[in-house]
Amino acid sequence: MPRRTAPRRIPALPLALALALLLLLSLVGGVGLGAAGVGWGEVARFLWAGLTGGTVHAPDAASYTIVWEIRLPRVLLGAVVGAGLAAVGVAVQAMVRNALADPFVLGISSGAAVGANAVILLGAFAGLGVWALSVSAFASALAAMALVYAVARSPHGLTPLRLVLTGTALAYGFEAVTTVMVFGAARGEAARSAMMWLLGSLGGATWARLPLAAVTVAAGWAWLHRRAGALDALALGDETASALGVRPARLRRELFLVTAAVTGTVVAVSGAIGFVGLMVPHVVRMLVGAGHRRVLTVAPPAGAVLLVWADVLSRLLFAPAELPVGVVTAVVGVPAFLLLMRRGGGHAFGGR
């Protein structure tokens, strides 16, 4: 039989740098494209004025607001959320040793939805003003995390099977609570806003929401990158990891806390956006190999580019109406997932 040659891998660092450059161009493209017609020359002028504190003439005030106050924070938040979901997707798949896992398998996003819809539909935490949605979603995500941890924990620590089963079961429970809240909403517009949030949307992006999300994602990525060697060991199984000096139960507990914090933060500002954390790690592994240091170097910029352009499509396809960005990622992600699984022979999905 002919020998099977190993697939050629792309060096991670050059690919990451190329993706960073593509991300920069994507940010500019995301700011320039939209339902409101703003010329590219005006976009460049408004961005320069915003960065340097330059003056904007009164006739240009509306266009400047669109570019600087609406589109720019939106595309930046999209990049942050995409990078966070991709990095956490890598971590969750290593934590539960399941190639089909994504950041939402732990039930945290469903828990965040309960808090977010309490604000949208019931007016909870109204005293917090513009922070009400983010604070409530993040607090309920942490509560969901604590519940999943308490139920899944055993004398042997957090095992992959117990985490997946517990997270899946509780996610159904949280979704049931959210559904009851939506059906019981007195206002149709509130229910529509709730559904937009459940399917993922960056329409509520503001400069105020960006710093916390960016810091949390950056800190989570830095921690995961530093523990990349331990993740490689954990992916080989608990016994092998223990033989290599890694404590699987402790590492899995730390991973759970980091992924919960990052997932809760990004879901609080963008809603539940699927397929980014599932698809991006697989594609990156096919390109650079399975080593977590390489994957964690490339996956965040790849996820950022993907979500920026998914959001652009969500704004343009039915302009001036807007699709939930989670619908776009699902429409792109489902066929791409099936194609990769078929053409990759299962290599990226845990097959031989």
Protein backbone atom coordinates (compact mmCIF):
# COMPACT_ATOMS: atom_id res chain seq x y z
CA MET A 1 0.00 0.00 0.00
CA PRO A 2 1.26 3.52 -0.70
CA ARG A 3 2.48 5.41 2.31
CA ARG A 4 0.23 8.17 3.49
CA THR A 5 2.08 11.46 3.65
CA ALA A 6 1.38 13.87 6.45
CA PRO A 7 -0.36 17.07 5.36
CA ARG A 8 1.87 20.09 5.01
CA ARG A 9 1.46 22.60 7.80
CA ILE A 10 1.63 26.36 7.50
CA PRO A 11 3.97 28.08 10.00
CA ALA A 12 1.77 29.58 12.71
CA LEU A 13 3.52 32.93 13.22
CA PRO A 14 3.53 34.10 9.55
CA LEU A 15 -0.08 33.00 9.23
CA ALA A 16 -1.03 34.91 12.38
CA LEU A 17 0.72 38.04 11.08
CA ALA A 18 -1.05 37.73 7.74
CA LEU A 19 -4.38 37.38 9.54
CA ALA A 20 -3.57 40.42 11.69
CA LEU A 21 -3.00 42.46 8.52
CA LEU A 22 -6.22 41.07 7.04
CA LEU A 23 -8.01 41.99 10.27
CA LEU A 24 -6.79 45.58 10.01
CA LEU A 25 -8.09 45.81 6.44
CA SER A 26 -11.33 44.14 7.54
CA LEU A 27 -11.85 46.74 10.27
CA VAL A 28 -11.51 49.52 7.72
CA GLY A 29 -13.84 47.68 5.37
CA GLY A 30 -16.36 47.09 8.14
CA VAL A 31 -16.41 50.79 8.97
CA GLY A 32 -16.77 51.82 5.33
CA LEU A 33 -19.60 49.43 4.42
CA GLY A 34 -23.15 49.94 5.59
CA ALA A 35 -26.69 50.90 4.66
CA ALA A 36 -25.89 54.60 4.99
CA GLY A 37 -23.78 55.73 2.07
CA VAL A 38 -20.54 57.24 3.38
CA GLY A 39 -17.72 57.57 0.85
CA TRP A 40 -14.35 55.98 1.49
CA GLY A 41 -12.66 59.36 1.45
CA GLU A 42 -15.04 60.62 4.11
CA VAL A 43 -14.51 57.46 6.16
CA ALA A 44 -10.75 58.01 6.13
CA ARG A 45 -11.18 61.68 7.03
CA PHE A 46 -13.56 60.95 9.90
CA LEU A 47 -11.34 58.20 11.29
CA TRP A 48 -8.35 60.54 11.20
CA ALA A 49 -10.34 63.28 12.90
CA GLY A 50 -11.47 60.89 15.60
CA LEU A 51 -7.98 59.53 16.22
CA THR A 52 -6.25 62.92 16.26
CA GLY A 53 -8.99 65.01 17.84
CA GLY A 54 -9.50 67.01 14.65
CA THR A 55 -12.53 69.15 13.92
CA VAL A 56 -15.57 68.06 11.95
CA HIS A 57 -17.76 70.64 10.22
CA ALA A 58 -21.44 70.82 11.13
CA PRO A 59 -22.74 69.45 7.78
CA ASP A 60 -20.64 66.30 8.33
CA ALA A 61 -21.75 65.69 11.91
CA ALA A 62 -24.30 62.98 11.03
CA SER A 63 -21.86 61.04 8.84
CA TYR A 64 -19.13 61.40 11.45
CA THR A 65 -21.45 59.97 14.11
CA ILE A 66 -22.23 56.98 11.88
CA VAL A 67 -18.55 56.25 11.30
CA TRP A 68 -17.02 57.02 14.70
CA GLU A 69 -19.83 56.37 17.18
CA ILE A 70 -21.73 53.51 15.52
CA ARG A 71 -19.65 51.56 13.00
CA LEU A 72 -16.16 51.72 14.51
CA PRO A 73 -17.07 50.44 18.01
CA ARG A 74 -19.23 47.82 16.33
CA VAL A 75 -16.47 46.37 14.14
CA LEU A 76 -13.97 46.54 17.02
CA LEU A 77 -16.39 44.72 19.32
CA GLY A 78 -17.00 42.16 16.57
CA ALA A 79 -13.26 41.52 16.35
CA VAL A 80 -12.97 41.15 20.13
CA VAL A 81 -15.96 38.79 20.36
CA GLY A 82 -14.77 36.69 17.42
CA ALA A 83 -11.28 36.37 18.89
CA GLY A 84 -12.70 35.47 22.30
CA LEU A 85 -15.07 32.82 20.95
CA ALA A 86 -12.31 31.23 18.86
CA ALA A 87 -9.85 31.08 21.77
CA VAL A 88 -12.44 29.71 24.16
CA GLY A 89 -13.51 27.16 21.55
CA VAL A 90 -9.96 25.78 21.54
CA ALA A 91 -9.96 25.61 25.34
CA VAL A 92 -13.37 23.94 25.66
CA GLN A 93 -12.52 21.27 23.10
CA ALA A 94 -9.35 20.48 25.03
CA MET A 95 -11.14 20.57 28.38
CA VAL A 96 -13.88 18.09 27.47
CA ARG A 97 -11.83 16.23 24.82
CA ASN A 98 -14.73 16.55 22.40
CA ALA A 99 -14.16 17.88 18.89
CA LEU A 100 -17.81 18.96 18.65
CA ALA A 101 -17.68 21.13 21.76
CA ASP A 102 -17.93 24.90 21.57
CA PRO A 103 -18.04 27.76 24.11
CA PHE A 104 -21.76 27.24 24.68
CA VAL A 105 -21.65 23.53 25.57
CA LEU A 106 -21.30 24.40 29.27
CA GLY A 107 -24.70 26.11 29.38
CA ILE A 108 -23.20 29.49 30.25
CA SER A 109 -24.64 31.34 27.24
CA SER A 110 -28.10 29.98 27.98
CA GLY A 111 -27.74 31.18 31.55
CA ALA A 112 -26.69 34.61 30.33
CA ALA A 113 -29.80 34.71 28.13
CA VAL A 114 -32.01 34.45 31.20
CA GLY A 115 -30.47 37.59 32.71
CA ALA A 116 -30.45 39.50 29.44
CA ASN A 117 -34.10 38.76 28.76
CA ALA A 118 -35.03 39.72 32.30
CA VAL A 119 -33.82 43.21 31.36
CA ILE A 120 -35.31 43.31 27.85
CA LEU A 121 -38.68 41.81 28.68
CA LEU A 122 -39.24 42.58 32.36
CA GLY A 123 -37.25 45.77 32.85
CA ALA A 124 -35.04 44.27 35.56
CA PHE A 125 -32.05 46.32 36.81
CA ALA A 126 -33.50 49.43 35.16
CA GLY A 127 -31.58 51.57 37.63
CA LEU A 128 -28.30 50.58 35.94
CA GLY A 129 -29.27 52.38 32.74
CA VAL A 130 -27.24 51.39 29.67
CA TRP A 131 -25.25 48.89 31.76
CA ALA A 132 -28.36 46.91 32.79
CA LEU A 133 -28.21 44.37 29.94
CA SER A 134 -24.48 43.64 30.22
CA VAL A 135 -24.47 43.46 34.01
CA SER A 136 -27.53 41.22 34.19
CA ALA A 137 -26.31 38.88 31.43
CA PHE A 138 -22.85 38.58 32.99
CA ALA A 139 -24.25 38.01 36.49
CA SER A 140 -26.60 35.28 35.27
CA ALA A 141 -23.73 33.72 33.29
CA LEU A 142 -21.68 33.53 36.48
CA ALA A 143 -24.66 32.05 38.34
CA ALA A 144 -25.05 29.45 35.58
CA MET A 145 -21.33 28.71 35.80
CA ALA A 146 -21.56 28.17 39.56
CA LEU A 147 -24.56 25.86 39.13
CA VAL A 148 -22.89 23.79 36.40
CA TYR A 149 -19.73 23.54 38.50
CA ALA A 150 -21.65 22.48 41.63
CA VAL A 151 -23.64 19.80 39.80
CA ALA A 152 -20.79 18.49 37.63
CA ARG A 153 -18.17 18.33 40.38
CA SER A 154 -17.44 14.89 41.78
CA PRO A 155 -14.87 13.50 44.24
CA HIS A 156 -12.63 12.94 41.21
CA GLY A 157 -12.90 16.54 40.01
CA LEU A 158 -14.46 17.80 36.79
CA THR A 159 -14.57 14.95 34.31
CA PRO A 160 -15.27 15.66 30.62
CA LEU A 161 -18.40 13.52 30.47
CA ARG A 162 -19.99 15.07 33.56
CA LEU A 163 -19.23 18.58 32.28
CA VAL A 164 -20.81 17.96 28.88
CA LEU A 165 -23.89 16.21 30.26
CA THR A 166 -24.44 18.75 33.03
CA GLY A 167 -23.91 21.74 30.77
CA THR A 168 -26.23 20.33 28.10
CA ALA A 169 -28.99 19.45 30.55
CA LEU A 170 -28.91 22.81 32.32
CA ALA A 171 -28.75 24.65 28.99
CA TYR A 172 -32.10 23.11 28.07
CA GLY A 173 -33.48 24.27 31.40
CA PHE A 174 -32.22 27.84 30.92
CA GLU A 175 -33.60 27.92 27.37
CA ALA A 176 -36.99 26.80 28.67
CA VAL A 177 -37.01 29.69 31.16
CA THR A 178 -36.08 32.12 28.38
CA THR A 179 -38.82 30.79 26.10
CA VAL A 180 -41.43 31.26 28.80
CA MET A 181 -40.25 34.84 29.29
CA VAL A 182 -40.44 35.58 25.54
CA PHE A 183 -43.92 34.10 25.19
CA GLY A 184 -45.10 36.00 28.22
CA ALA A 185 -43.78 39.35 26.97
CA ALA A 186 -46.48 42.01 26.87
CA ARG A 187 -44.78 43.99 24.09
CA GLY A 188 -44.06 42.57 20.66
CA GLU A 189 -41.06 44.86 20.13
CA ALA A 190 -39.49 43.63 23.37
CA ALA A 191 -39.90 40.03 22.22
CA ARG A 192 -38.27 40.92 18.89
CA SER A 193 -35.33 42.52 20.70
CA ALA A 194 -35.00 39.42 22.86
CA MET A 195 -34.91 37.15 19.82
CA MET A 196 -32.28 39.35 18.17
CA TRP A 197 -30.11 39.03 21.28
CA LEU A 198 -30.65 35.26 21.49
CA LEU A 199 -29.48 34.86 17.88
CA GLY A 200 -26.54 37.22 18.37
CA SER A 201 -26.24 40.85 17.42
CA LEU A 202 -23.61 43.57 17.57
CA GLY A 203 -26.20 46.30 17.06
CA GLY A 204 -25.87 47.48 20.67
CA ALA A 205 -22.11 48.07 20.46
CA THR A 206 -20.84 51.23 22.11
CA TRP A 207 -17.45 52.54 23.16
CA ALA A 208 -18.46 51.90 26.79
CA ARG A 209 -18.94 48.16 26.20
CA LEU A 210 -15.62 47.66 24.43
CA PRO A 211 -12.93 47.98 27.16
CA LEU A 212 -14.19 45.28 29.56
CA ALA A 213 -14.74 42.79 26.74
CA ALA A 214 -11.30 43.51 25.23
CA VAL A 215 -9.46 43.21 28.56
CA THR A 216 -11.25 39.98 29.50
CA VAL A 217 -10.60 38.35 26.13
CA ALA A 218 -6.94 39.43 26.13
CA ALA A 219 -6.38 38.15 29.68
CA GLY A 220 -8.11 34.85 28.91
CA TRP A 221 -6.10 34.35 25.72
CA ALA A 222 -2.82 35.15 27.50
CA TRP A 223 -3.57 32.60 30.22
CA LEU A 224 -4.53 29.92 27.69
CA HIS A 225 -1.42 30.59 25.60
CA ARG A 226 0.77 30.28 28.67
CA ARG A 227 -0.83 26.92 29.49
CA ALA A 228 -0.63 25.59 25.94
CA GLY A 229 1.79 22.82 26.91
CA ALA A 230 -0.57 21.61 29.62
CA LEU A 231 -3.45 21.63 27.12
CA ASP A 232 -1.39 19.42 24.80
CA ALA A 233 -0.93 16.97 27.65
CA LEU A 234 -4.61 17.08 28.63
CA ALA A 235 -5.66 16.29 25.06
CA LEU A 236 -3.73 13.00 25.33
CA GLY A 237 -5.89 11.81 28.22
CA ASP A 238 -5.85 12.19 31.99
CA GLU A 239 -3.45 9.32 32.64
CA THR A 240 -0.91 10.59 30.14
CA ALA A 241 -1.28 14.13 31.43
CA SER A 242 -0.67 12.98 34.99
CA ALA A 243 2.43 11.11 33.87
CA LEU A 244 3.68 14.35 32.28
CA GLY A 245 3.26 16.26 35.52
CA VAL A 246 -0.09 17.91 34.76
CA ARG A 247 -2.93 17.68 37.29
CA PRO A 248 -5.97 17.11 35.05
CA ALA A 249 -8.65 17.87 37.63
CA ARG A 250 -7.04 21.14 38.68
CA LEU A 251 -6.32 22.21 35.10
CA ARG A 252 -9.87 21.42 34.03
CA ARG A 253 -11.20 23.49 36.93
CA GLU A 254 -9.02 26.43 35.91
CA LEU A 255 -10.08 26.07 32.29
CA PHE A 256 -13.70 26.04 33.37
CA LEU A 257 -13.31 29.32 35.23
CA VAL A 258 -11.43 31.04 32.39
CA THR A 259 -13.81 29.88 29.67
CA ALA A 260 -16.82 30.81 31.78
CA ALA A 261 -15.50 34.32 32.42
CA VAL A 262 -14.65 34.97 28.76
CA THR A 263 -17.86 33.38 27.43
CA GLY A 264 -20.01 35.26 29.92
CA THR A 265 -18.35 38.55 29.02
CA VAL A 266 -18.67 38.23 25.24
CA VAL A 267 -22.22 36.86 25.43
CA ALA A 268 -23.19 39.80 27.64
CA VAL A 269 -22.21 42.29 24.90
CA SER A 270 -23.14 40.36 21.75
CA GLY A 271 -25.68 37.68 22.54
CA ALA A 272 -25.30 34.02 21.61
CA ILE A 273 -23.27 33.80 18.38
CA GLY A 274 -22.76 30.21 17.33
CA PHE A 275 -20.32 28.30 15.14
CA VAL A 276 -17.33 30.63 15.58
CA GLY A 277 -15.99 28.69 18.56
CA LEU A 278 -16.76 25.39 16.83
CA MET A 279 -15.51 26.05 13.30
CA VAL A 280 -12.44 28.23 13.73
CA PRO A 281 -10.41 25.79 15.91
CA HIS A 282 -11.00 22.98 13.38
CA VAL A 283 -9.94 25.05 10.39
CA VAL A 284 -6.85 26.31 12.21
CA ARG A 285 -5.81 22.78 13.24
CA MET A 286 -6.02 21.67 9.64
CA LEU A 287 -3.69 24.53 8.67
CA VAL A 288 -1.10 24.61 11.46
CA GLY A 289 -1.44 21.26 13.26
CA ALA A 290 -2.86 20.28 16.62
CA GLY A 291 -0.31 21.92 18.94
CA HIS A 292 -2.23 24.29 21.19
CA ARG A 293 0.44 27.00 21.15
CA ARG A 294 0.18 27.22 17.37
CA VAL A 295 -3.61 26.96 17.36
CA LEU A 296 -3.99 29.66 20.02
CA THR A 297 -1.68 31.94 18.03
CA VAL A 298 -3.78 31.72 14.87
CA ALA A 299 -7.36 31.09 16.04
CA PRO A 300 -8.10 34.51 17.65
CA PRO A 301 -7.27 36.66 14.59
CA ALA A 302 -9.07 34.14 12.39
CA GLY A 303 -12.18 34.33 14.57
CA ALA A 304 -11.97 38.12 14.60
CA VAL A 305 -11.83 38.35 10.78
CA LEU A 306 -14.71 35.88 10.44
CA LEU A 307 -17.04 37.73 12.79
CA VAL A 308 -16.24 41.18 11.38
CA TRP A 309 -17.29 40.08 7.89
CA ALA A 310 -20.26 38.08 9.18
CA ASP A 311 -21.48 41.27 10.83
CA VAL A 312 -20.96 43.25 7.61
CA LEU A 313 -23.14 40.70 5.79
CA SER A 314 -25.77 40.88 8.51
CA ARG A 315 -26.01 44.64 7.92
CA LEU A 316 -26.00 44.56 4.12
CA LEU A 317 -28.03 41.53 3.03
CA PHE A 318 -31.44 43.03 3.85
CA ALA A 319 -30.46 46.67 4.37
CA PRO A 320 -31.77 48.78 5.96
CA ALA A 321 -33.12 45.86 8.02
CA GLU A 322 -30.53 43.86 9.94
CA LEU A 323 -30.12 40.11 10.34
CA PRO A 324 -28.88 38.64 13.62
CA VAL A 325 -25.20 37.94 13.07
CA GLY A 326 -25.65 34.46 14.57
CA VAL A 327 -27.86 33.58 11.59
CA VAL A 328 -25.04 34.53 9.20
CA THR A 329 -22.44 32.49 11.10
CA ALA A 330 -24.81 29.51 11.08
CA VAL A 331 -25.55 29.83 7.35
CA VAL A 332 -21.81 29.94 6.64
CA GLY A 333 -20.81 27.50 9.35
CA VAL A 334 -23.12 24.54 8.66
CA PRO A 335 -22.04 23.85 5.05
CA ALA A 336 -18.42 24.70 5.83
CA PHE A 337 -18.47 22.26 8.74
CA LEU A 338 -19.91 19.46 6.60
CA LEU A 339 -17.46 20.18 3.77
CA LEU A 340 -14.45 20.16 6.08
CA MET A 341 -15.57 16.95 7.73
CA ARG A 342 -15.99 15.26 4.34
CA ARG A 343 -12.81 16.55 2.68
CA GLY A 344 -10.68 16.25 5.82
CA GLY A 345 -11.50 12.60 6.30
CA GLY A 346 -12.31 13.32 9.92
CA HIS A 347 -8.77 14.36 10.88
CA ALA A 348 -9.85 17.68 12.30
CA PHE A 349 -12.77 16.07 14.06
CA GLY A 350 -11.06 13.44 16.08
CA GLY A 351 -11.05 10.78 13.36
CA ARG A 352 -8.12 8.71 12.08
